Amino acid sequence: MSSFPEPTEPAGSRDEVFLRYLDHFRETTLTKVAALPDAARRASVLPSGWTPLELLQHLRYVELRWIEWGFLGRPVADPWGDRREGRWYVARSFEEVAEALRAQGAYTREVVESSDLAAIGAPGPRWDGAPPASLERILFHLLQEYARHTGHLDVVTELAGGPVGE
């Protein structure tokens, strides 16, 4: 797992603070799921039924929806591709999902490094008629998604016999 971006570590900009936390949470989720046997990655120990691999796929699509479809306003063929029949699903290997999540994270970094945090997202279907949000607000939302789901994954990996804590 990546080391936690301590608040006392200087950062060159607010952008870098967001990116450090996103990188940390992304790698933490990947490390936790990587430590599980494949059967535990694809099994659920929760009444809601989601699996650790589905969670990783979901996080990749969260970044896609907010950065590409939302902020950039790009057409995305299937922005809800992490869902089928009202629930998360994944039909790929852990390695494929991990590669896609890291690639999406690298793209998020490119967008953030080439944009101003105050920039407003492009109007489009992501906003469902509401005014688009700023990049800073989108990144804050992504951080809460990652932090919340990393906490969920802490419980799930502990129940599955995997690593606990950071």
N, C-alpha and C. Protein backbone atom coordinates (compact mmCIF):
# COMPACT_ATOMS: atom_id res chain seq x y z
N MET A 1 0.84 -1.18 0.00
CA MET A 1 0.00 0.00 0.00
C MET A 1 0.88 1.24 0.00
N SER A 2 0.35 2.29 -0.59
CA SER A 2 1.08 3.55 -0.57
C SER A 2 0.99 4.16 0.82
N SER A 3 1.98 4.99 1.15
CA SER A 3 1.94 5.62 2.46
C SER A 3 0.89 6.72 2.47
N PHE A 4 0.28 6.90 3.62
CA PHE A 4 -0.76 7.90 3.78
C PHE A 4 -0.16 9.29 3.59
N PRO A 5 -0.81 10.17 2.80
CA PRO A 5 -0.27 11.51 2.58
C PRO A 5 -0.47 12.39 3.82
N GLU A 6 0.49 12.34 4.70
CA GLU A 6 0.38 13.06 5.98
C GLU A 6 0.13 14.55 5.77
N PRO A 7 -0.75 15.14 6.58
CA PRO A 7 -1.04 16.57 6.45
C PRO A 7 0.18 17.45 6.69
N THR A 8 1.21 16.94 7.37
CA THR A 8 2.40 17.74 7.64
C THR A 8 3.41 17.69 6.49
N GLU A 9 3.19 16.82 5.48
CA GLU A 9 4.07 16.76 4.31
C GLU A 9 3.72 17.92 3.38
N PRO A 10 4.68 18.77 3.08
CA PRO A 10 4.38 19.89 2.18
C PRO A 10 3.96 19.39 0.79
N ALA A 11 3.03 20.12 0.21
CA ALA A 11 2.60 19.84 -1.17
C ALA A 11 2.73 21.13 -1.95
N GLY A 12 3.08 21.01 -3.21
CA GLY A 12 3.30 22.19 -4.03
C GLY A 12 2.03 22.96 -4.37
N SER A 13 0.87 22.27 -4.27
CA SER A 13 -0.38 22.92 -4.65
C SER A 13 -1.56 22.14 -4.08
N ARG A 14 -2.73 22.76 -4.15
CA ARG A 14 -3.94 22.05 -3.72
C ARG A 14 -4.21 20.87 -4.66
N ASP A 15 -3.88 21.04 -5.94
CA ASP A 15 -4.05 19.94 -6.90
C ASP A 15 -3.29 18.71 -6.41
N GLU A 16 -2.03 18.95 -5.99
CA GLU A 16 -1.19 17.83 -5.56
C GLU A 16 -1.75 17.16 -4.30
N VAL A 17 -2.37 17.92 -3.42
CA VAL A 17 -3.00 17.32 -2.24
C VAL A 17 -4.10 16.36 -2.68
N PHE A 18 -4.98 16.81 -3.56
CA PHE A 18 -6.04 15.93 -4.07
C PHE A 18 -5.45 14.69 -4.73
N LEU A 19 -4.45 14.87 -5.58
CA LEU A 19 -3.88 13.75 -6.32
C LEU A 19 -3.19 12.75 -5.40
N ARG A 20 -2.49 13.23 -4.39
CA ARG A 20 -1.84 12.31 -3.43
C ARG A 20 -2.87 11.44 -2.71
N TYR A 21 -3.95 12.06 -2.26
CA TYR A 21 -4.98 11.28 -1.57
C TYR A 21 -5.66 10.30 -2.51
N LEU A 22 -5.99 10.74 -3.73
CA LEU A 22 -6.60 9.81 -4.69
C LEU A 22 -5.67 8.64 -4.99
N ASP A 23 -4.39 8.93 -5.23
CA ASP A 23 -3.43 7.85 -5.49
C ASP A 23 -3.35 6.90 -4.30
N HIS A 24 -3.32 7.46 -3.10
CA HIS A 24 -3.23 6.63 -1.90
C HIS A 24 -4.43 5.70 -1.78
N PHE A 25 -5.62 6.23 -1.88
CA PHE A 25 -6.81 5.40 -1.73
C PHE A 25 -6.94 4.38 -2.87
N ARG A 26 -6.59 4.79 -4.08
CA ARG A 26 -6.66 3.87 -5.23
C ARG A 26 -5.72 2.69 -5.00
N GLU A 27 -4.47 2.97 -4.62
CA GLU A 27 -3.50 1.89 -4.41
C GLU A 27 -3.84 1.05 -3.18
N THR A 28 -4.41 1.68 -2.16
CA THR A 28 -4.82 0.92 -0.97
C THR A 28 -5.90 -0.09 -1.33
N THR A 29 -6.90 0.33 -2.11
CA THR A 29 -7.95 -0.62 -2.49
C THR A 29 -7.37 -1.74 -3.34
N LEU A 30 -6.49 -1.40 -4.26
CA LEU A 30 -5.88 -2.43 -5.12
C LEU A 30 -5.04 -3.41 -4.31
N THR A 31 -4.27 -2.91 -3.36
CA THR A 31 -3.42 -3.78 -2.54
C THR A 31 -4.27 -4.73 -1.70
N LYS A 32 -5.33 -4.21 -1.12
CA LYS A 32 -6.20 -5.06 -0.30
C LYS A 32 -6.83 -6.17 -1.13
N VAL A 33 -7.34 -5.84 -2.31
CA VAL A 33 -7.98 -6.85 -3.14
C VAL A 33 -6.94 -7.81 -3.70
N ALA A 34 -5.77 -7.33 -4.04
CA ALA A 34 -4.70 -8.20 -4.56
C ALA A 34 -4.29 -9.26 -3.54
N ALA A 35 -4.41 -8.93 -2.25
CA ALA A 35 -3.99 -9.87 -1.20
C ALA A 35 -5.00 -11.01 -0.99
N LEU A 36 -6.16 -10.90 -1.59
CA LEU A 36 -7.19 -11.94 -1.43
C LEU A 36 -7.03 -13.02 -2.50
N PRO A 37 -7.38 -14.25 -2.17
CA PRO A 37 -7.44 -15.27 -3.22
C PRO A 37 -8.55 -14.92 -4.22
N ASP A 38 -8.42 -15.38 -5.46
CA ASP A 38 -9.38 -15.01 -6.49
C ASP A 38 -10.81 -15.32 -6.08
N ALA A 39 -11.04 -16.43 -5.42
CA ALA A 39 -12.41 -16.79 -5.00
C ALA A 39 -12.98 -15.73 -4.07
N ALA A 40 -12.16 -15.19 -3.17
CA ALA A 40 -12.64 -14.15 -2.23
C ALA A 40 -12.83 -12.81 -2.94
N ARG A 41 -12.10 -12.57 -4.02
CA ARG A 41 -12.28 -11.34 -4.80
C ARG A 41 -13.64 -11.33 -5.48
N ARG A 42 -14.13 -12.52 -5.81
CA ARG A 42 -15.38 -12.65 -6.58
C ARG A 42 -16.58 -13.08 -5.73
N ALA A 43 -16.37 -13.19 -4.43
CA ALA A 43 -17.46 -13.61 -3.53
C ALA A 43 -17.84 -12.46 -2.62
N SER A 44 -19.08 -12.47 -2.18
CA SER A 44 -19.54 -11.44 -1.26
C SER A 44 -19.75 -12.03 0.12
N VAL A 45 -19.41 -11.25 1.13
CA VAL A 45 -19.66 -11.63 2.51
C VAL A 45 -20.70 -10.70 3.14
N LEU A 46 -21.38 -9.92 2.29
CA LEU A 46 -22.31 -8.91 2.76
C LEU A 46 -23.72 -9.16 2.24
N PRO A 47 -24.73 -8.77 3.00
CA PRO A 47 -26.11 -8.93 2.52
C PRO A 47 -26.38 -8.18 1.21
N SER A 48 -25.69 -7.06 0.97
CA SER A 48 -25.90 -6.31 -0.27
C SER A 48 -25.36 -7.06 -1.49
N GLY A 49 -24.44 -7.97 -1.29
CA GLY A 49 -23.97 -8.84 -2.35
C GLY A 49 -22.80 -8.38 -3.18
N TRP A 50 -22.23 -7.18 -2.94
CA TRP A 50 -21.11 -6.74 -3.77
C TRP A 50 -19.84 -7.47 -3.39
N THR A 51 -18.96 -7.60 -4.40
CA THR A 51 -17.69 -8.30 -4.21
C THR A 51 -16.53 -7.30 -4.27
N PRO A 52 -15.37 -7.66 -3.73
CA PRO A 52 -14.22 -6.76 -3.81
C PRO A 52 -13.86 -6.38 -5.25
N LEU A 53 -13.92 -7.32 -6.17
CA LEU A 53 -13.61 -7.02 -7.57
C LEU A 53 -14.63 -6.06 -8.17
N GLU A 54 -15.90 -6.23 -7.82
CA GLU A 54 -16.93 -5.30 -8.28
C GLU A 54 -16.68 -3.89 -7.74
N LEU A 55 -16.20 -3.80 -6.52
CA LEU A 55 -15.90 -2.49 -5.94
C LEU A 55 -14.81 -1.78 -6.74
N LEU A 56 -13.76 -2.52 -7.10
CA LEU A 56 -12.69 -1.91 -7.91
C LEU A 56 -13.23 -1.42 -9.25
N GLN A 57 -14.05 -2.25 -9.89
CA GLN A 57 -14.65 -1.86 -11.17
C GLN A 57 -15.50 -0.61 -10.99
N HIS A 58 -16.26 -0.56 -9.92
CA HIS A 58 -17.10 0.59 -9.62
C HIS A 58 -16.25 1.87 -9.49
N LEU A 59 -15.15 1.78 -8.76
CA LEU A 59 -14.31 2.96 -8.57
C LEU A 59 -13.72 3.45 -9.88
N ARG A 60 -13.37 2.56 -10.77
CA ARG A 60 -12.89 2.97 -12.09
C ARG A 60 -13.97 3.77 -12.82
N TYR A 61 -15.21 3.26 -12.78
CA TYR A 61 -16.30 3.96 -13.46
C TYR A 61 -16.67 5.26 -12.77
N VAL A 62 -16.50 5.34 -11.47
CA VAL A 62 -16.75 6.60 -10.76
C VAL A 62 -15.83 7.68 -11.31
N GLU A 63 -14.54 7.36 -11.45
CA GLU A 63 -13.60 8.34 -12.00
C GLU A 63 -13.95 8.68 -13.45
N LEU A 64 -14.31 7.69 -14.24
CA LEU A 64 -14.71 7.91 -15.62
C LEU A 64 -15.90 8.85 -15.69
N ARG A 65 -16.94 8.58 -14.88
CA ARG A 65 -18.15 9.40 -14.91
C ARG A 65 -17.88 10.84 -14.51
N TRP A 66 -17.08 11.04 -13.45
CA TRP A 66 -16.88 12.38 -12.95
C TRP A 66 -15.86 13.18 -13.74
N ILE A 67 -14.79 12.54 -14.19
CA ILE A 67 -13.73 13.29 -14.89
C ILE A 67 -14.01 13.39 -16.39
N GLU A 68 -14.22 12.28 -17.06
CA GLU A 68 -14.38 12.33 -18.51
C GLU A 68 -15.79 12.76 -18.93
N TRP A 69 -16.80 12.10 -18.40
CA TRP A 69 -18.18 12.38 -18.79
C TRP A 69 -18.66 13.68 -18.17
N GLY A 70 -18.28 13.92 -16.92
CA GLY A 70 -18.73 15.12 -16.22
C GLY A 70 -17.88 16.34 -16.51
N PHE A 71 -16.65 16.36 -15.97
CA PHE A 71 -15.83 17.56 -16.09
C PHE A 71 -15.50 17.89 -17.54
N LEU A 72 -15.03 16.91 -18.30
CA LEU A 72 -14.63 17.18 -19.69
C LEU A 72 -15.82 17.20 -20.66
N GLY A 73 -16.94 16.60 -20.26
CA GLY A 73 -18.11 16.58 -21.12
C GLY A 73 -17.97 15.67 -22.33
N ARG A 74 -17.08 14.70 -22.23
CA ARG A 74 -16.87 13.76 -23.35
C ARG A 74 -17.98 12.73 -23.40
N PRO A 75 -18.36 12.32 -24.60
CA PRO A 75 -19.33 11.23 -24.69
C PRO A 75 -18.67 9.94 -24.18
N VAL A 76 -19.40 9.20 -23.38
CA VAL A 76 -18.94 7.92 -22.85
C VAL A 76 -20.00 6.90 -23.23
N ALA A 77 -19.59 5.89 -23.99
CA ALA A 77 -20.53 4.91 -24.54
C ALA A 77 -21.40 4.26 -23.45
N ASP A 78 -20.80 3.89 -22.35
CA ASP A 78 -21.54 3.21 -21.29
C ASP A 78 -21.06 3.71 -19.93
N PRO A 79 -21.48 4.93 -19.51
CA PRO A 79 -20.97 5.48 -18.25
C PRO A 79 -21.38 4.67 -17.03
N TRP A 80 -22.38 3.86 -17.15
CA TRP A 80 -22.83 3.03 -16.03
C TRP A 80 -22.45 1.56 -16.26
N GLY A 81 -21.34 1.34 -16.96
CA GLY A 81 -20.89 -0.01 -17.30
C GLY A 81 -20.48 -0.87 -16.12
N ASP A 82 -20.46 -0.30 -14.94
CA ASP A 82 -20.16 -1.08 -13.74
C ASP A 82 -21.42 -1.70 -13.14
N ARG A 83 -22.55 -1.51 -13.80
CA ARG A 83 -23.83 -2.02 -13.27
C ARG A 83 -24.52 -2.90 -14.30
N ARG A 84 -25.21 -3.87 -13.79
CA ARG A 84 -26.08 -4.71 -14.62
C ARG A 84 -27.27 -5.10 -13.74
N GLU A 85 -28.44 -4.86 -14.28
CA GLU A 85 -29.69 -5.19 -13.56
C GLU A 85 -29.71 -4.61 -12.15
N GLY A 86 -29.27 -3.35 -12.05
CA GLY A 86 -29.38 -2.64 -10.79
C GLY A 86 -28.32 -2.94 -9.75
N ARG A 87 -27.29 -3.68 -10.10
CA ARG A 87 -26.22 -3.96 -9.13
C ARG A 87 -24.87 -3.95 -9.83
N TRP A 88 -23.80 -3.83 -9.03
CA TRP A 88 -22.46 -3.86 -9.58
C TRP A 88 -22.18 -5.22 -10.18
N TYR A 89 -21.34 -5.23 -11.20
CA TYR A 89 -20.90 -6.51 -11.76
C TYR A 89 -19.55 -6.31 -12.43
N VAL A 90 -18.84 -7.41 -12.65
CA VAL A 90 -17.58 -7.38 -13.39
C VAL A 90 -17.39 -8.75 -14.03
N ALA A 91 -16.94 -8.75 -15.26
CA ALA A 91 -16.73 -10.01 -15.98
C ALA A 91 -15.27 -10.14 -16.42
N ARG A 92 -14.38 -9.38 -15.80
CA ARG A 92 -12.97 -9.40 -16.18
C ARG A 92 -12.12 -9.91 -15.02
N SER A 93 -10.85 -10.16 -15.31
CA SER A 93 -9.93 -10.63 -14.28
C SER A 93 -9.52 -9.48 -13.36
N PHE A 94 -8.98 -9.84 -12.21
CA PHE A 94 -8.46 -8.83 -11.30
C PHE A 94 -7.40 -7.99 -12.00
N GLU A 95 -6.51 -8.63 -12.73
CA GLU A 95 -5.43 -7.91 -13.41
C GLU A 95 -5.98 -6.89 -14.41
N GLU A 96 -7.01 -7.26 -15.15
CA GLU A 96 -7.62 -6.34 -16.11
C GLU A 96 -8.30 -5.17 -15.41
N VAL A 97 -9.01 -5.46 -14.34
CA VAL A 97 -9.69 -4.41 -13.58
C VAL A 97 -8.67 -3.47 -12.94
N ALA A 98 -7.60 -4.04 -12.37
CA ALA A 98 -6.56 -3.22 -11.74
C ALA A 98 -5.88 -2.32 -12.77
N GLU A 99 -5.58 -2.87 -13.94
CA GLU A 99 -4.95 -2.08 -15.00
C GLU A 99 -5.87 -0.94 -15.44
N ALA A 100 -7.16 -1.22 -15.59
CA ALA A 100 -8.12 -0.18 -16.00
C ALA A 100 -8.25 0.90 -14.93
N LEU A 101 -8.25 0.51 -13.66
CA LEU A 101 -8.36 1.49 -12.58
C LEU A 101 -7.12 2.38 -12.53
N ARG A 102 -5.95 1.77 -12.66
CA ARG A 102 -4.71 2.57 -12.66
C ARG A 102 -4.65 3.50 -13.87
N ALA A 103 -5.08 3.02 -15.03
CA ALA A 103 -5.09 3.85 -16.23
C ALA A 103 -6.05 5.02 -16.06
N GLN A 104 -7.22 4.75 -15.47
CA GLN A 104 -8.18 5.83 -15.24
C GLN A 104 -7.59 6.84 -14.27
N GLY A 105 -6.88 6.36 -13.25
CA GLY A 105 -6.22 7.26 -12.30
C GLY A 105 -5.15 8.11 -12.96
N ALA A 106 -4.39 7.51 -13.87
CA ALA A 106 -3.36 8.27 -14.60
C ALA A 106 -4.02 9.36 -15.46
N TYR A 107 -5.16 9.03 -16.04
CA TYR A 107 -5.86 10.02 -16.85
C TYR A 107 -6.40 11.14 -15.97
N THR A 108 -6.94 10.79 -14.81
CA THR A 108 -7.40 11.81 -13.86
C THR A 108 -6.26 12.74 -13.52
N ARG A 109 -5.08 12.19 -13.26
CA ARG A 109 -3.91 13.01 -12.93
C ARG A 109 -3.60 13.97 -14.08
N GLU A 110 -3.61 13.48 -15.32
CA GLU A 110 -3.34 14.34 -16.48
C GLU A 110 -4.33 15.51 -16.54
N VAL A 111 -5.60 15.20 -16.34
CA VAL A 111 -6.63 16.24 -16.41
C VAL A 111 -6.42 17.27 -15.30
N VAL A 112 -6.17 16.81 -14.09
CA VAL A 112 -6.00 17.73 -12.97
C VAL A 112 -4.76 18.59 -13.17
N GLU A 113 -3.67 17.98 -13.61
CA GLU A 113 -2.43 18.74 -13.78
C GLU A 113 -2.51 19.76 -14.92
N SER A 114 -3.45 19.57 -15.84
CA SER A 114 -3.57 20.51 -16.96
C SER A 114 -4.78 21.43 -16.82
N SER A 115 -5.42 21.44 -15.65
CA SER A 115 -6.62 22.24 -15.45
C SER A 115 -6.50 23.06 -14.17
N ASP A 116 -7.34 24.05 -14.07
CA ASP A 116 -7.44 24.85 -12.86
C ASP A 116 -8.53 24.25 -11.98
N LEU A 117 -8.30 24.19 -10.69
CA LEU A 117 -9.31 23.63 -9.79
C LEU A 117 -10.63 24.39 -9.83
N ALA A 118 -10.57 25.67 -10.17
CA ALA A 118 -11.80 26.47 -10.24
C ALA A 118 -12.56 26.28 -11.55
N ALA A 119 -11.96 25.58 -12.51
CA ALA A 119 -12.62 25.38 -13.80
C ALA A 119 -13.93 24.63 -13.60
N ILE A 120 -14.93 25.05 -14.35
CA ILE A 120 -16.27 24.44 -14.26
C ILE A 120 -16.39 23.37 -15.35
N GLY A 121 -16.99 22.25 -14.98
CA GLY A 121 -17.18 21.16 -15.93
C GLY A 121 -18.04 21.58 -17.11
N ALA A 122 -17.90 20.82 -18.19
CA ALA A 122 -18.68 21.09 -19.40
C ALA A 122 -20.14 20.68 -19.18
N PRO A 123 -21.08 21.46 -19.68
CA PRO A 123 -22.49 21.04 -19.60
C PRO A 123 -22.67 19.72 -20.35
N GLY A 124 -23.55 18.89 -19.88
CA GLY A 124 -23.79 17.62 -20.55
C GLY A 124 -24.67 16.70 -19.74
N PRO A 125 -24.88 15.50 -20.24
CA PRO A 125 -25.81 14.57 -19.59
C PRO A 125 -25.40 14.13 -18.18
N ARG A 126 -24.11 14.22 -17.84
CA ARG A 126 -23.68 13.82 -16.50
C ARG A 126 -24.38 14.63 -15.43
N TRP A 127 -24.70 15.86 -15.76
CA TRP A 127 -25.25 16.78 -14.76
C TRP A 127 -26.76 16.72 -14.69
N ASP A 128 -27.40 15.98 -15.57
CA ASP A 128 -28.85 15.79 -15.54
C ASP A 128 -29.61 17.11 -15.41
N GLY A 129 -29.14 18.13 -16.17
CA GLY A 129 -29.82 19.41 -16.18
C GLY A 129 -29.33 20.40 -15.13
N ALA A 130 -28.57 19.96 -14.17
CA ALA A 130 -28.03 20.86 -13.14
C ALA A 130 -26.79 21.57 -13.67
N PRO A 131 -26.42 22.69 -13.07
CA PRO A 131 -25.18 23.35 -13.50
C PRO A 131 -23.97 22.46 -13.18
N PRO A 132 -22.99 22.39 -14.07
CA PRO A 132 -21.79 21.58 -13.82
C PRO A 132 -21.01 22.09 -12.60
N ALA A 133 -20.30 21.18 -11.98
CA ALA A 133 -19.48 21.50 -10.80
C ALA A 133 -18.07 21.89 -11.22
N SER A 134 -17.35 22.50 -10.28
CA SER A 134 -15.94 22.83 -10.51
C SER A 134 -15.10 21.56 -10.37
N LEU A 135 -13.91 21.60 -10.93
CA LEU A 135 -13.00 20.46 -10.79
C LEU A 135 -12.68 20.20 -9.32
N GLU A 136 -12.51 21.24 -8.53
CA GLU A 136 -12.23 21.06 -7.11
C GLU A 136 -13.36 20.29 -6.42
N ARG A 137 -14.58 20.67 -6.71
CA ARG A 137 -15.75 19.99 -6.11
C ARG A 137 -15.81 18.53 -6.57
N ILE A 138 -15.51 18.28 -7.84
CA ILE A 138 -15.50 16.91 -8.36
C ILE A 138 -14.44 16.08 -7.66
N LEU A 139 -13.25 16.65 -7.48
CA LEU A 139 -12.18 15.91 -6.80
C LEU A 139 -12.53 15.63 -5.35
N PHE A 140 -13.18 16.58 -4.70
CA PHE A 140 -13.61 16.36 -3.33
C PHE A 140 -14.60 15.18 -3.29
N HIS A 141 -15.51 15.15 -4.26
CA HIS A 141 -16.47 14.04 -4.33
C HIS A 141 -15.75 12.71 -4.57
N LEU A 142 -14.78 12.69 -5.48
CA LEU A 142 -14.02 11.46 -5.73
C LEU A 142 -13.31 10.99 -4.47
N LEU A 143 -12.75 11.92 -3.71
CA LEU A 143 -12.08 11.53 -2.46
C LEU A 143 -13.04 10.89 -1.48
N GLN A 144 -14.23 11.46 -1.34
CA GLN A 144 -15.18 10.85 -0.40
C GLN A 144 -15.62 9.48 -0.88
N GLU A 145 -15.76 9.30 -2.20
CA GLU A 145 -16.10 7.97 -2.75
C GLU A 145 -15.02 6.96 -2.39
N TYR A 146 -13.77 7.33 -2.67
CA TYR A 146 -12.67 6.42 -2.37
C TYR A 146 -12.55 6.14 -0.88
N ALA A 147 -12.62 7.17 -0.05
CA ALA A 147 -12.48 6.98 1.39
C ALA A 147 -13.59 6.09 1.94
N ARG A 148 -14.83 6.35 1.50
CA ARG A 148 -15.96 5.55 1.96
C ARG A 148 -15.80 4.10 1.54
N HIS A 149 -15.48 3.88 0.26
CA HIS A 149 -15.38 2.50 -0.23
C HIS A 149 -14.13 1.79 0.30
N THR A 150 -13.07 2.53 0.59
CA THR A 150 -11.90 1.89 1.22
C THR A 150 -12.28 1.41 2.60
N GLY A 151 -13.08 2.17 3.32
CA GLY A 151 -13.58 1.71 4.62
C GLY A 151 -14.44 0.48 4.50
N HIS A 152 -15.33 0.45 3.50
CA HIS A 152 -16.13 -0.75 3.27
C HIS A 152 -15.22 -1.94 3.01
N LEU A 153 -14.21 -1.72 2.18
CA LEU A 153 -13.31 -2.80 1.81
C LEU A 153 -12.50 -3.29 3.01
N ASP A 154 -12.18 -2.40 3.95
CA ASP A 154 -11.49 -2.83 5.18
C ASP A 154 -12.28 -3.95 5.87
N VAL A 155 -13.57 -3.74 6.00
CA VAL A 155 -14.41 -4.73 6.68
C VAL A 155 -14.49 -6.01 5.86
N VAL A 156 -14.71 -5.87 4.57
CA VAL A 156 -14.87 -7.05 3.71
C VAL A 156 -13.59 -7.88 3.66
N THR A 157 -12.43 -7.23 3.52
CA THR A 157 -11.19 -8.00 3.45
C THR A 157 -10.88 -8.65 4.81
N GLU A 158 -11.23 -8.00 5.89
CA GLU A 158 -11.02 -8.63 7.21
C GLU A 158 -11.90 -9.87 7.34
N LEU A 159 -13.15 -9.77 6.93
CA LEU A 159 -14.04 -10.95 7.00
C LEU A 159 -13.56 -12.08 6.09
N ALA A 160 -12.87 -11.72 4.99
CA ALA A 160 -12.38 -12.72 4.06
C ALA A 160 -10.98 -13.22 4.43
N GLY A 161 -10.43 -12.73 5.54
CA GLY A 161 -9.11 -13.17 5.98
C GLY A 161 -7.96 -12.42 5.36
N GLY A 162 -8.25 -11.28 4.75
CA GLY A 162 -7.21 -10.48 4.11
C GLY A 162 -6.63 -9.44 5.05
N PRO A 163 -5.85 -8.50 4.50
CA PRO A 163 -5.19 -7.48 5.32
C PRO A 163 -6.19 -6.52 5.96
N VAL A 164 -5.83 -6.01 7.12
CA VAL A 164 -6.67 -5.05 7.82
C VAL A 164 -5.90 -3.75 8.00
N GLY A 165 -6.65 -2.65 8.10
CA GLY A 165 -6.05 -1.33 8.35
C GLY A 165 -5.27 -0.83 7.16
N GLU A 166 -4.59 0.30 7.40
CA GLU A 166 -3.79 0.88 6.33
C GLU A 166 -2.41 0.28 6.41
